[in-house]
PDB file of N, CA and C in Angstrom:
ATOM      1  N   UNK A   1       0.655  -1.382   0.103  1.00  0.00           N
ATOM      2  CA  UNK A   1      -0.069  -0.083  -0.303  1.00  0.00           C
ATOM      3  C   UNK A   1       0.590   1.193  -0.416  1.00  0.00           C
ATOM      4  N   UNK A   2       0.260   2.379  -0.936  1.00  0.00           N
ATOM      5  CA  UNK A   2       0.995   3.595  -0.906  1.00  0.00           C
ATOM      6  C   UNK A   2       1.355   4.122   0.889  1.00  0.00           C
ATOM      7  N   UNK A   3       2.400   4.946   0.671  1.00  0.00           N
ATOM      8  CA  UNK A   3       2.534   5.408   2.113  1.00  0.00           C
ATOM      9  C   UNK A   3       2.816   6.874   2.509  1.00  0.00           C
ATOM     10  N   UNK A   4       3.017   7.356   0.897  1.00  0.00           N
ATOM     11  CA  UNK A   4       3.503   8.914   1.361  1.00  0.00           C
ATOM     12  C   UNK A   4       2.062   9.368   0.579  1.00  0.00           C
ATOM     13  N   UNK A   5       2.371  11.006   0.984  1.00  0.00           N
ATOM     14  CA  UNK A   5       1.072  11.719   0.625  1.00  0.00           C
ATOM     15  C   UNK A   5       0.807  11.453  -0.877  1.00  0.00           C
ATOM     16  N   UNK A   6       1.740  11.762  -1.716  1.00  0.00           N
ATOM     17  CA  UNK A   6       1.572  12.018  -2.987  1.00  0.00           C
ATOM     18  C   UNK A   6       0.956  10.738  -3.810  1.00  0.00           C
ATOM     19  N   UNK A   7       1.759   9.446  -3.101  1.00  0.00           N
ATOM     20  CA  UNK A   7       1.275   8.127  -3.455  1.00  0.00           C
ATOM     21  C   UNK A   7      -0.210   8.015  -3.417  1.00  0.00           C
ATOM     22  N   UNK A   8      -0.554   8.339  -2.343  1.00  0.00           N
ATOM     23  CA  UNK A   8      -1.718   8.209  -2.094  1.00  0.00           C
ATOM     24  C   UNK A   8      -2.941   8.787  -2.831  1.00  0.00           C
ATOM     25  N   UNK A   9      -2.358  10.168  -3.373  1.00  0.00           N
ATOM     26  CA  UNK A   9      -3.031  10.809  -4.112  1.00  0.00           C
ATOM     27  C   UNK A   9      -3.365  10.215  -5.455  1.00  0.00           C
ATOM     28  N   UNK A  10      -1.934   9.820  -5.833  1.00  0.00           N
ATOM     29  CA  UNK A  10      -2.017   9.384  -7.042  1.00  0.00           C
ATOM     30  C   UNK A  10      -3.075   7.983  -7.321  1.00  0.00           C
ATOM     31  N   UNK A  11      -3.170   7.108  -6.119  1.00  0.00           N
ATOM     32  CA  UNK A  11      -3.963   6.299  -5.800  1.00  0.00           C
ATOM     33  C   UNK A  11      -5.409   6.430  -6.124  1.00  0.00           C
ATOM     34  N   UNK A  12      -5.751   7.596  -5.647  1.00  0.00           N
ATOM     35  CA  UNK A  12      -7.267   8.265  -5.754  1.00  0.00           C
ATOM     36  C   UNK A  12      -7.430   8.522  -7.220  1.00  0.00           C
ATOM     37  N   UNK A  13      -6.376   9.701  -7.631  1.00  0.00           N
ATOM     38  CA  UNK A  13      -6.899  10.089  -8.776  1.00  0.00           C
ATOM     39  C   UNK A  13      -6.729   9.210 -10.180  1.00  0.00           C
ATOM     40  N   UNK A  14      -5.972   8.311  -9.820  1.00  0.00           N
ATOM     41  CA  UNK A  14      -5.804   7.217 -10.956  1.00  0.00           C
ATOM     42  C   UNK A  14      -7.127   6.000 -10.585  1.00  0.00           C
ATOM     43  N   UNK A  15      -7.555   6.157  -9.552  1.00  0.00           N
ATOM     44  CA  UNK A  15      -9.009   5.459  -9.512  1.00  0.00           C
ATOM     45  C   UNK A  15     -10.183   6.137 -10.214  1.00  0.00           C
ATOM     46  N   UNK A  16      -9.966   7.409 -10.027  1.00  0.00           N
ATOM     47  CA  UNK A  16     -11.127   8.358 -10.655  1.00  0.00           C
ATOM     48  C   UNK A  16     -10.986   8.126 -12.286  1.00  0.00           C
ATOM     49  N   UNK A  17      -9.793   8.154 -12.385  1.00  0.00           N
ATOM     50  CA  UNK A  17      -9.496   8.228 -13.985  1.00  0.00           C
ATOM     51  C   UNK A  17      -9.712   6.719 -14.398  1.00  0.00           C
ATOM     52  N   UNK A  18      -9.605   5.809 -13.979  1.00  0.00           N
ATOM     53  CA  UNK A  18      -9.991   4.475 -14.323  1.00  0.00           C
ATOM     54  C   UNK A  18     -11.673   4.266 -14.399  1.00  0.00           C
ATOM     55  N   UNK A  19     -12.059   4.921 -13.624  1.00  0.00           N
ATOM     56  CA  UNK A  19     -13.662   4.774 -13.596  1.00  0.00           C
ATOM     57  C   UNK A  19     -14.062   5.576 -14.652  1.00  0.00           C
ATOM     58  N   UNK A  20     -13.986   6.744 -14.885  1.00  0.00           N
ATOM     59  CA  UNK A  20     -14.199   7.438 -16.063  1.00  0.00           C
ATOM     60  C   UNK A  20     -13.776   6.907 -17.531  1.00  0.00           C
ATOM     61  N   UNK A  21     -12.873   6.399 -17.641  1.00  0.00           N
ATOM     62  CA  UNK A  21     -12.122   5.637 -18.909  1.00  0.00           C
ATOM     63  C   UNK A  21     -13.005   4.567 -19.251  1.00  0.00           C
ATOM     64  N   UNK A  22     -13.408   3.805 -18.134  1.00  0.00           N
ATOM     65  CA  UNK A  22     -14.212   2.449 -18.266  1.00  0.00           C
ATOM     66  C   UNK A  22     -15.689   2.830 -18.764  1.00  0.00           C
ATOM     67  N   UNK A  23     -15.996   3.888 -18.115  1.00  0.00           N
ATOM     68  CA  UNK A  23     -17.649   4.385 -18.381  1.00  0.00           C
ATOM     69  C   UNK A  23     -17.464   4.702 -20.067  1.00  0.00           C
ATOM     70  N   UNK A  24     -16.628   5.508 -20.395  1.00  0.00           N
ATOM     71  CA  UNK A  24     -16.414   5.955 -21.991  1.00  0.00           C
ATOM     72  C   UNK A  24     -16.292   4.940 -22.950  1.00  0.00           C
ATOM     73  N   UNK A  25     -15.321   4.071 -22.623  1.00  0.00           N
ATOM     74  CA  UNK A  25     -15.018   2.906 -23.334  1.00  0.00           C
ATOM     75  C   UNK A  25     -16.236   1.796 -23.488  1.00  0.00           C
ATOM     76  N   UNK A  26     -17.012   1.862 -22.321  1.00  0.00           N
ATOM     77  CA  UNK A  26     -18.098   0.859 -22.072  1.00  0.00           C
ATOM     78  C   UNK A  26     -19.277   1.471 -23.121  1.00  0.00           C
ATOM     79  N   UNK A  27     -19.602   2.940 -23.045  1.00  0.00           N
ATOM     80  CA  UNK A  27     -20.408   3.463 -23.977  1.00  0.00           C
ATOM     81  C   UNK A  27     -20.104   3.338 -25.236  1.00  0.00           C
ATOM     82  N   UNK A  28     -18.709   3.760 -25.872  1.00  0.00           N
ATOM     83  CA  UNK A  28     -18.249   3.104 -27.170  1.00  0.00           C
ATOM     84  C   UNK A  28     -18.809   1.906 -27.762  1.00  0.00           C
ATOM     85  N   UNK A  29     -18.346   0.769 -26.522  1.00  0.00           N
ATOM     86  CA  UNK A  29     -18.571  -0.383 -27.183  1.00  0.00           C
ATOM     87  C   UNK A  29     -20.452  -0.806 -27.660  1.00  0.00           C
ATOM     88  N   UNK A  30     -21.119  -0.161 -26.498  1.00  0.00           N
ATOM     89  CA  UNK A  30     -22.563  -0.093 -26.609  1.00  0.00           C
ATOM     90  C   UNK A  30     -22.978   0.457 -27.780  1.00  0.00           C
ATOM     91  N   UNK A  31     -22.449   1.502 -28.136  1.00  0.00           N
ATOM     92  CA  UNK A  31     -23.052   2.104 -29.327  1.00  0.00           C
ATOM     93  C   UNK A  31     -22.385   1.256 -30.560  1.00  0.00           C
ATOM     94  N   UNK A  32     -21.554   0.727 -30.590  1.00  0.00           N
ATOM     95  CA  UNK A  32     -21.008  -0.261 -31.732  1.00  0.00           C
ATOM     96  C   UNK A  32     -21.744  -1.415 -31.560  1.00  0.00           C
ATOM     97  N   UNK A  33     -22.021  -1.927 -30.789  1.00  0.00           N
ATOM     98  CA  UNK A  33     -22.509  -2.990 -30.751  1.00  0.00           C
ATOM     99  C   UNK A  33     -24.437  -2.976 -31.293  1.00  0.00           C
ATOM    100  N   UNK A  34     -24.867  -1.744 -30.878  1.00  0.00           N
ATOM    101  CA  UNK A  34     -26.075  -1.545 -31.360  1.00  0.00           C
ATOM    102  C   UNK A  34     -25.954  -1.096 -32.683  1.00  0.00           C
ATOM    103  N   UNK A  35     -25.459  -0.461 -33.409  1.00  0.00           N
ATOM    104  CA  UNK A  35     -25.089  -0.466 -34.921  1.00  0.00           C
ATOM    105  C   UNK A  35     -25.000  -1.702 -35.400  1.00  0.00           C
ATOM    106  N   UNK A  36     -24.131  -2.189 -35.194  1.00  0.00           N
ATOM    107  CA  UNK A  36     -23.928  -3.730 -35.906  1.00  0.00           C
ATOM    108  C   UNK A  36     -25.052  -4.527 -35.779  1.00  0.00           C
ATOM    109  N   UNK A  37     -26.173  -4.713 -34.688  1.00  0.00           N
ATOM    110  CA  UNK A  37     -27.009  -5.420 -34.768  1.00  0.00           C
ATOM    111  C   UNK A  37     -28.190  -4.794 -35.506  1.00  0.00           C
ATOM    112  N   UNK A  38     -28.335  -3.782 -35.456  1.00  0.00           N
ATOM    113  CA  UNK A  38     -29.420  -3.120 -36.506  1.00  0.00           C
ATOM    114  C   UNK A  38     -28.738  -3.366 -37.946  1.00  0.00           C
ATOM    115  N   UNK A  39     -27.635  -3.236 -38.263  1.00  0.00           N
ATOM    116  CA  UNK A  39     -27.041  -3.802 -39.397  1.00  0.00           C
ATOM    117  C   UNK A  39     -27.483  -4.904 -40.188  1.00  0.00           C
ATOM    118  N   UNK A  40     -27.305  -5.898 -38.880  1.00  0.00           N
ATOM    119  CA  UNK A  40     -27.267  -7.302 -39.426  1.00  0.00           C
ATOM    120  C   UNK A  40     -29.089  -7.721 -39.447  1.00  0.00           C
ATOM    121  N   UNK A  41     -29.876  -7.148 -38.813  1.00  0.00           N
ATOM    122  CA  UNK A  41     -31.160  -7.228 -38.907  1.00  0.00           C
ATOM    123  C   UNK A  41     -31.690  -6.422 -39.684  1.00  0.00           C
ATOM    124  N   UNK A  42     -31.009  -5.454 -40.561  1.00  0.00           N
ATOM    125  CA  UNK A  42     -31.401  -5.021 -41.761  1.00  0.00           C
ATOM    126  C   UNK A  42     -31.903  -3.747 -41.568  1.00  0.00           C
ATOM    127  N   UNK A  43     -32.201  -3.113 -40.256  1.00  0.00           N
ATOM    128  CA  UNK A  43     -32.977  -1.992 -40.287  1.00  0.00           C
ATOM    129  C   UNK A  43     -31.701  -0.625 -40.345  1.00  0.00           C
ATOM    130  N   UNK A  44     -31.668  -0.604 -41.604  1.00  0.00           N
ATOM    131  CA  UNK A  44     -30.502   0.232 -42.078  1.00  0.00           C
ATOM    132  C   UNK A  44     -30.765   2.143 -42.011  1.00  0.00           C
ATOM    133  N   UNK A  45     -32.239   2.500 -41.748  1.00  0.00           N
ATOM    134  CA  UNK A  45     -32.204   3.833 -41.385  1.00  0.00           C
ATOM    135  C   UNK A  45     -31.945   4.061 -39.970  1.00  0.00           C
ATOM    136  N   UNK A  46     -32.102   3.220 -38.834  1.00  0.00           N
ATOM    137  CA  UNK A  46     -31.538   3.485 -37.679  1.00  0.00           C
ATOM    138  C   UNK A  46     -30.372   3.058 -37.485  1.00  0.00           C
ATOM    139  N   UNK A  47     -30.100   2.084 -38.468  1.00  0.00           N
ATOM    140  CA  UNK A  47     -28.408   1.949 -38.299  1.00  0.00           C
ATOM    141  C   UNK A  47     -27.532   3.104 -38.661  1.00  0.00           C
ATOM    142  N   UNK A  48     -27.879   3.910 -39.685  1.00  0.00           N
ATOM    143  CA  UNK A  48     -27.176   5.000 -40.039  1.00  0.00           C
ATOM    144  C   UNK A  48     -27.342   5.942 -38.651  1.00  0.00           C
ATOM    145  N   UNK A  49     -28.067   6.504 -37.877  1.00  0.00           N
ATOM    146  CA  UNK A  49     -28.104   7.068 -36.848  1.00  0.00           C
ATOM    147  C   UNK A  49     -27.304   6.513 -35.637  1.00  0.00           C
ATOM    148  N   UNK A  50     -27.335   5.031 -35.814  1.00  0.00           N
ATOM    149  CA  UNK A  50     -26.438   4.440 -34.653  1.00  0.00           C
ATOM    150  C   UNK A  50     -24.684   4.458 -34.918  1.00  0.00           C
ATOM    151  N   UNK A  51     -24.747   4.402 -36.239  1.00  0.00           N
ATOM    152  CA  UNK A  51     -23.345   4.437 -36.448  1.00  0.00           C
ATOM    153  C   UNK A  51     -22.815   5.972 -36.467  1.00  0.00           C
ATOM    154  N   UNK A  52     -23.434   6.868 -36.629  1.00  0.00           N
ATOM    155  CA  UNK A  52     -23.279   8.384 -36.274  1.00  0.00           C
ATOM    156  C   UNK A  52     -22.916   8.426 -34.880  1.00  0.00           C
ATOM    157  N   UNK A  53     -23.855   7.708 -34.417  1.00  0.00           N
ATOM    158  CA  UNK A  53     -23.500   7.741 -32.483  1.00  0.00           C
ATOM    159  C   UNK A  53     -22.438   7.348 -32.064  1.00  0.00           C
ATOM    160  N   UNK A  54     -22.018   6.017 -32.952  1.00  0.00           N
ATOM    161  CA  UNK A  54     -20.727   5.409 -32.560  1.00  0.00           C
ATOM    162  C   UNK A  54     -19.553   6.026 -32.902  1.00  0.00           C
ATOM    163  N   UNK A  55     -19.585   6.547 -34.059  1.00  0.00           N
ATOM    164  CA  UNK A  55     -18.626   7.445 -34.570  1.00  0.00           C
ATOM    165  C   UNK A  55     -18.139   8.594 -33.605  1.00  0.00           C
ATOM    166  N   UNK A  56     -19.248   9.109 -32.934  1.00  0.00           N
ATOM    167  CA  UNK A  56     -19.038  10.004 -32.063  1.00  0.00           C
ATOM    168  C   UNK A  56     -18.667   9.852 -30.928  1.00  0.00           C
ATOM    169  N   UNK A  57     -18.989   8.517 -30.284  1.00  0.00           N
ATOM    170  CA  UNK A  57     -18.091   8.208 -29.198  1.00  0.00           C
ATOM    171  C   UNK A  57     -16.968   7.789 -29.129  1.00  0.00           C
ATOM    172  N   UNK A  58     -16.487   7.156 -30.362  1.00  0.00           N
ATOM    173  CA  UNK A  58     -15.201   6.753 -30.506  1.00  0.00           C
ATOM    174  C   UNK A  58     -14.126   8.054 -30.472  1.00  0.00           C
ATOM    175  N   UNK A  59     -14.943   9.346 -31.483  1.00  0.00           N
ATOM    176  CA  UNK A  59     -14.039  10.351 -31.575  1.00  0.00           C
ATOM    177  C   UNK A  59     -13.721  10.750 -30.163  1.00  0.00           C
ATOM    178  N   UNK A  60     -14.877  10.622 -29.371  1.00  0.00           N
ATOM    179  CA  UNK A  60     -14.610  11.466 -28.226  1.00  0.00           C
ATOM    180  C   UNK A  60     -13.483  10.449 -27.456  1.00  0.00           C
ATOM    181  N   UNK A  61     -13.798   9.174 -27.242  1.00  0.00           N
ATOM    182  CA  UNK A  61     -12.972   8.324 -26.422  1.00  0.00           C
ATOM    183  C   UNK A  61     -11.405   8.840 -26.902  1.00  0.00           C
ATOM    184  N   UNK A  62     -11.294   8.898 -28.262  1.00  0.00           N
ATOM    185  CA  UNK A  62      -9.642   8.865 -28.808  1.00  0.00           C
ATOM    186  C   UNK A  62      -9.424  10.565 -28.592  1.00  0.00           C
ATOM    187  N   UNK A  63     -10.142  11.510 -28.398  1.00  0.00           N
ATOM    188  CA  UNK A  63      -9.824  12.600 -28.186  1.00  0.00           C
ATOM    189  C   UNK A  63      -9.226  12.526 -26.591  1.00  0.00           C
ATOM    190  N   UNK A  64     -10.088  12.153 -25.855  1.00  0.00           N
ATOM    191  CA  UNK A  64      -9.469  12.067 -24.373  1.00  0.00           C
ATOM    192  C   UNK A  64      -8.618  11.141 -23.999  1.00  0.00           C
ATOM    193  N   UNK A  65      -8.032  10.456 -25.045  1.00  0.00           N
ATOM    194  CA  UNK A  65      -6.617   9.620 -24.897  1.00  0.00           C
ATOM    195  C   UNK A  65      -6.904   8.284 -24.319  1.00  0.00           C
ATOM    196  N   UNK A  66      -8.624   7.916 -24.241  1.00  0.00           N
ATOM    197  CA  UNK A  66      -9.037   6.660 -23.651  1.00  0.00           C
ATOM    198  C   UNK A  66      -8.595   5.450 -24.497  1.00  0.00           C
ATOM    199  N   UNK A  67      -8.723   6.032 -25.990  1.00  0.00           N
ATOM    200  CA  UNK A  67      -8.380   4.861 -26.946  1.00  0.00           C
ATOM    201  C   UNK A  67      -7.297   5.427 -27.795  1.00  0.00           C
ATOM    202  N   UNK A  68      -6.627   4.796 -28.596  1.00  0.00           N
ATOM    203  CA  UNK A  68      -5.773   5.470 -29.277  1.00  0.00           C
ATOM    204  C   UNK A  68      -6.259   5.802 -30.470  1.00  0.00           C
ATOM    205  N   UNK A  69      -6.200   6.837 -31.207  1.00  0.00           N
ATOM    206  CA  UNK A  69      -6.607   7.191 -32.446  1.00  0.00           C
ATOM    207  C   UNK A  69      -6.769   6.401 -33.385  1.00  0.00           C
ATOM    208  N   UNK A  70      -5.859   5.611 -33.547  1.00  0.00           N
ATOM    209  CA  UNK A  70      -5.652   4.455 -34.534  1.00  0.00           C
ATOM    210  C   UNK A  70      -6.756   3.738 -34.493  1.00  0.00           C
ATOM    211  N   UNK A  71      -7.089   3.272 -32.969  1.00  0.00           N
ATOM    212  CA  UNK A  71      -7.923   1.935 -32.969  1.00  0.00           C
ATOM    213  C   UNK A  71      -9.569   2.796 -33.235  1.00  0.00           C
ATOM    214  N   UNK A  72      -9.214   4.041 -32.952  1.00  0.00           N
ATOM    215  CA  UNK A  72     -10.915   4.579 -33.253  1.00  0.00           C
ATOM    216  C   UNK A  72     -10.890   4.620 -34.935  1.00  0.00           C
ATOM    217  N   UNK A  73     -10.203   4.808 -35.559  1.00  0.00           N
ATOM    218  CA  UNK A  73     -10.062   5.228 -36.982  1.00  0.00           C
ATOM    219  C   UNK A  73     -10.246   3.455 -37.579  1.00  0.00           C
ATOM    220  N   UNK A  74      -9.558   2.586 -36.651  1.00  0.00           N
ATOM    221  CA  UNK A  74     -10.105   1.088 -37.471  1.00  0.00           C
ATOM    222  C   UNK A  74     -11.012   0.615 -37.191  1.00  0.00           C
ATOM    223  N   UNK A  75     -11.767   1.061 -36.021  1.00  0.00           N
ATOM    224  CA  UNK A  75     -13.214   0.652 -35.646  1.00  0.00           C
ATOM    225  C   UNK A  75     -14.215   1.292 -36.587  1.00  0.00           C
ATOM    226  N   UNK A  76     -13.978   2.903 -36.535  1.00  0.00           N
ATOM    227  CA  UNK A  76     -14.933   3.369 -37.576  1.00  0.00           C
ATOM    228  C   UNK A  76     -15.039   3.206 -39.018  1.00  0.00           C
ATOM    229  N   UNK A  77     -13.750   2.318 -39.220  1.00  0.00           N
ATOM    230  CA  UNK A  77     -13.640   2.235 -40.900  1.00  0.00           C
ATOM    231  C   UNK A  77     -14.441   1.116 -40.976  1.00  0.00           C
ATOM    232  N   UNK A  78     -14.174   0.162 -39.935  1.00  0.00           N
ATOM    233  CA  UNK A  78     -14.839  -1.407 -39.934  1.00  0.00           C
ATOM    234  C   UNK A  78     -16.541  -1.301 -39.926  1.00  0.00           C
ATOM    235  N   UNK A  79     -16.895  -0.332 -39.129  1.00  0.00           N
ATOM    236  CA  UNK A  79     -18.234   0.034 -38.979  1.00  0.00           C
ATOM    237  C   UNK A  79     -18.823   0.529 -40.326  1.00  0.00           C
ATOM    238  N   UNK A  80     -18.063   1.415 -40.792  1.00  0.00           N
ATOM    239  CA  UNK A  80     -18.815   2.155 -42.088  1.00  0.00           C
ATOM    240  C   UNK A  80     -18.593   1.253 -43.162  1.00  0.00           C
ATOM    241  N   UNK A  81     -17.435   0.191 -43.392  1.00  0.00           N
ATOM    242  CA  UNK A  81     -17.601  -0.708 -44.376  1.00  0.00           C
ATOM    243  C   UNK A  81     -18.697  -1.818 -43.956  1.00  0.00           C
ATOM    244  N   UNK A  82     -18.980  -2.051 -43.043  1.00  0.00           N
ATOM    245  CA  UNK A  82     -20.148  -2.896 -42.804  1.00  0.00           C
ATOM    246  C   UNK A  82     -21.471  -2.192 -43.280  1.00  0.00           C
ATOM    247  N   UNK A  83     -21.813  -1.386 -42.861  1.00  0.00           N
ATOM    248  CA  UNK A  83     -23.055  -0.366 -43.186  1.00  0.00           C
ATOM    249  C   UNK A  83     -22.969  -0.249 -44.733  1.00  0.00           C
ATOM    250  N   UNK A  84     -21.979   0.118 -45.365  1.00  0.00           N
ATOM    251  CA  UNK A  84     -22.049   0.437 -46.771  1.00  0.00           C
ATOM    252  C   UNK A  84     -22.191  -0.730 -47.156  1.00  0.00           C
ATOM    253  N   UNK A  85     -21.552  -1.823 -46.851  1.00  0.00           N
ATOM    254  CA  UNK A  85     -22.033  -3.483 -47.705  1.00  0.00           C
ATOM    255  C   UNK A  85     -23.413  -3.822 -47.584  1.00  0.00           C
ATOM    256  N   UNK A  86     -24.018  -3.598 -46.706  1.00  0.00           N
ATOM    257  CA  UNK A  86     -25.247  -3.765 -46.360  1.00  0.00           C
ATOM    258  C   UNK A  86     -26.223  -2.452 -47.371  1.00  0.00           C
ATOM    259  N   UNK A  87     -25.964  -1.382 -47.440  1.00  0.00           N
ATOM    260  CA  UNK A  87     -26.613  -0.460 -48.057  1.00  0.00           C
ATOM    261  C   UNK A  87     -26.687  -1.264 -49.770  1.00  0.00           C
ATOM    262  N   UNK A  88     -25.277  -1.751 -49.791  1.00  0.00           N
ATOM    263  CA  UNK A  88     -24.894  -1.779 -51.422  1.00  0.00           C
ATOM    264  C   UNK A  88     -25.937  -3.031 -51.912  1.00  0.00           C
ATOM    265  N   UNK A  89     -25.837  -4.222 -51.092  1.00  0.00           N
ATOM    266  CA  UNK A  89     -26.848  -5.454 -50.963  1.00  0.00           C
ATOM    267  C   UNK A  89     -28.157  -5.199 -51.057  1.00  0.00           C
ATOM    268  N   UNK A  90     -28.765  -4.117 -50.326  1.00  0.00           N
ATOM    269  CA  UNK A  90     -29.944  -3.715 -50.535  1.00  0.00           C
ATOM    270  C   UNK A  90     -30.531  -3.078 -51.779  1.00  0.00           C
ATOM    271  N   UNK A  91     -29.192  -2.225 -52.525  1.00  0.00           N
ATOM    272  CA  UNK A  91     -29.664  -1.488 -53.622  1.00  0.00           C
ATOM    273  C   UNK A  91     -29.446  -2.332 -54.674  1.00  0.00           C
ATOM    274  N   UNK A  92     -28.407  -3.533 -54.592  1.00  0.00           N
ATOM    275  CA  UNK A  92     -28.255  -4.596 -55.672  1.00  0.00           C
ATOM    276  C   UNK A  92     -29.786  -5.507 -55.608  1.00  0.00           C
ATOM    277  N   UNK A  93     -30.267  -5.595 -54.480  1.00  0.00           N
ATOM    278  CA  UNK A  93     -31.450  -6.626 -54.406  1.00  0.00           C
ATOM    279  C   UNK A  93     -32.764  -5.610 -55.217  1.00  0.00           C
ATOM    280  N   UNK A  94     -32.510  -4.301 -54.786  1.00  0.00           N
ATOM    281  CA  UNK A  94     -33.927  -3.573 -55.578  1.00  0.00           C
ATOM    282  C   UNK A  94     -33.851  -3.149 -57.081  1.00  0.00           C
ATOM    283  N   UNK A  95     -32.377  -3.398 -57.475  1.00  0.00           N
ATOM    284  CA  UNK A  95     -32.130  -3.458 -58.998  1.00  0.00           C
ATOM    285  C   UNK A  95     -32.571  -4.485 -59.779  1.00  0.00           C
TER     286      UNK A  95
END
């Protein structure tokens, strides 16, 4: 256990940061899961809104340093690719 005042303060502040980071990371994951589920269910109009929410959450997490900016970019890219493939398959079926 820490035994100096500064070490005790570091323990307190890192715990606060850990909880904040966990909350932001979990929220981003939830938005991503929701968007993927809607894409797979074929609810593409709702999926567009969910993808936008997921991208916003990922950008905020990357901006705060909770996830790396390349990690956020990779996740956004995969999500957009999945959405675009679903939209193209819908257009292909309609044509």
